[in-house]
């Protein structure tokens, strides 16, 4: 069991990211695609939107705010 709350938060966000990636890869495999770019649903895809959100959240560990480049 982890005693450090920060480690639990990191694990939580990493697990969400892994789950989103797993769903995305399953979709790509079912459509025989190497990436989402060639999919006709690229901009409307809910799986892709969830994955992008999971990436952002894993980077800021759920602290909110914008993501600026």
C-alpha atoms as a PDB file:
ATOM      1  CA  UNK A   1       0.000   0.000   0.000  1.00  0.00           C
ATOM      2  CA  UNK A   2       1.253   3.470  -0.849  1.00  0.00           C
ATOM      3  CA  UNK A   3       1.669   5.949   1.971  1.00  0.00           C
ATOM      4  CA  UNK A   4       2.389   8.984  -0.171  1.00  0.00           C
ATOM      5  CA  UNK A   5      -0.860  10.660  -1.380  1.00  0.00           C
ATOM      6  CA  UNK A   6       0.994  12.176  -4.317  1.00  0.00           C
ATOM      7  CA  UNK A   7       1.873   8.712  -5.606  1.00  0.00           C
ATOM      8  CA  UNK A   8      -1.792   7.706  -5.472  1.00  0.00           C
ATOM      9  CA  UNK A   9      -2.785  10.758  -7.536  1.00  0.00           C
ATOM     10  CA  UNK A  10      -0.090  10.013 -10.107  1.00  0.00           C
ATOM     11  CA  UNK A  11      -1.252   6.417 -10.338  1.00  0.00           C
ATOM     12  CA  UNK A  12      -4.883   7.514 -10.717  1.00  0.00           C
ATOM     13  CA  UNK A  13      -4.124   9.793 -13.679  1.00  0.00           C
ATOM     14  CA  UNK A  14      -1.748   7.302 -15.266  1.00  0.00           C
ATOM     15  CA  UNK A  15      -4.377   4.569 -14.997  1.00  0.00           C
ATOM     16  CA  UNK A  16      -6.968   6.791 -16.666  1.00  0.00           C
ATOM     17  CA  UNK A  17      -4.505   7.558 -19.443  1.00  0.00           C
ATOM     18  CA  UNK A  18      -3.714   3.869 -19.941  1.00  0.00           C
ATOM     19  CA  UNK A  19      -7.416   3.014 -20.102  1.00  0.00           C
ATOM     20  CA  UNK A  20      -8.069   5.749 -22.680  1.00  0.00           C
ATOM     21  CA  UNK A  21      -5.100   4.589 -24.762  1.00  0.00           C
ATOM     22  CA  UNK A  22      -6.292   0.996 -24.607  1.00  0.00           C
ATOM     23  CA  UNK A  23      -9.714   1.998 -25.969  1.00  0.00           C
ATOM     24  CA  UNK A  24      -8.142   4.078 -28.705  1.00  0.00           C
ATOM     25  CA  UNK A  25      -5.822   1.247 -29.782  1.00  0.00           C
ATOM     26  CA  UNK A  26      -8.719  -1.228 -29.835  1.00  0.00           C
ATOM     27  CA  UNK A  27     -10.650   1.088 -32.129  1.00  0.00           C
ATOM     28  CA  UNK A  28      -7.642   1.563 -34.415  1.00  0.00           C
ATOM     29  CA  UNK A  29      -7.091  -2.193 -34.572  1.00  0.00           C
ATOM     30  CA  UNK A  30     -10.756  -2.874 -35.345  1.00  0.00           C
ATOM     31  CA  UNK A  31     -10.570  -0.410 -38.253  1.00  0.00           C
ATOM     32  CA  UNK A  32      -7.119  -1.664 -39.298  1.00  0.00           C
ATOM     33  CA  UNK A  33      -5.575   1.789 -38.849  1.00  0.00           C
ATOM     34  CA  UNK A  34      -2.106   2.729 -37.641  1.00  0.00           C
ATOM     35  CA  UNK A  35      -3.331   6.045 -36.232  1.00  0.00           C
ATOM     36  CA  UNK A  36      -6.481   8.127 -35.915  1.00  0.00           C
ATOM     37  CA  UNK A  37      -5.378  10.600 -38.590  1.00  0.00           C
ATOM     38  CA  UNK A  38      -6.737   8.544 -41.474  1.00  0.00           C
ATOM     39  CA  UNK A  39     -10.088   7.863 -39.790  1.00  0.00           C
ATOM     40  CA  UNK A  40     -13.127   9.642 -41.203  1.00  0.00           C
ATOM     41  CA  UNK A  41     -14.311  10.366 -37.638  1.00  0.00           C
ATOM     42  CA  UNK A  42     -11.060  12.037 -36.570  1.00  0.00           C
ATOM     43  CA  UNK A  43     -12.631  15.305 -35.369  1.00  0.00           C
ATOM     44  CA  UNK A  44     -15.894  13.831 -34.044  1.00  0.00           C
ATOM     45  CA  UNK A  45     -14.479  10.751 -32.292  1.00  0.00           C
ATOM     46  CA  UNK A  46     -15.413  10.560 -28.611  1.00  0.00           C
ATOM     47  CA  UNK A  47     -12.665   7.997 -27.881  1.00  0.00           C
ATOM     48  CA  UNK A  48     -10.038  10.354 -29.287  1.00  0.00           C
ATOM     49  CA  UNK A  49     -11.471  13.303 -27.332  1.00  0.00           C
ATOM     50  CA  UNK A  50     -11.358  11.243 -24.120  1.00  0.00           C
ATOM     51  CA  UNK A  51      -7.764  10.242 -24.862  1.00  0.00           C
ATOM     52  CA  UNK A  52      -6.663  13.849 -25.484  1.00  0.00           C
ATOM     53  CA  UNK A  53      -8.350  14.914 -22.244  1.00  0.00           C
ATOM     54  CA  UNK A  54      -6.668  12.042 -20.372  1.00  0.00           C
ATOM     55  CA  UNK A  55      -3.279  13.154 -21.726  1.00  0.00           C
ATOM     56  CA  UNK A  56      -3.837  16.738 -20.540  1.00  0.00           C
ATOM     57  CA  UNK A  57      -5.061  15.577 -17.146  1.00  0.00           C
ATOM     58  CA  UNK A  58      -2.111  13.222 -16.715  1.00  0.00           C
ATOM     59  CA  UNK A  59       0.268  16.077 -17.480  1.00  0.00           C
ATOM     60  CA  UNK A  60      -1.270  18.449 -14.941  1.00  0.00           C
ATOM     61  CA  UNK A  61      -2.433  15.692 -12.576  1.00  0.00           C
ATOM     62  CA  UNK A  62      -5.971  17.023 -12.554  1.00  0.00           C
ATOM     63  CA  UNK A  63      -5.045  20.461 -11.231  1.00  0.00           C
ATOM     64  CA  UNK A  64      -7.214  22.096 -13.913  1.00  0.00           C
ATOM     65  CA  UNK A  65      -6.458  25.249 -15.800  1.00  0.00           C
ATOM     66  CA  UNK A  66      -5.612  25.681 -19.421  1.00  0.00           C
ATOM     67  CA  UNK A  67      -2.963  23.965 -21.423  1.00  0.00           C
ATOM     68  CA  UNK A  68      -0.754  26.542 -23.038  1.00  0.00           C
ATOM     69  CA  UNK A  69       1.985  26.044 -25.593  1.00  0.00           C
END
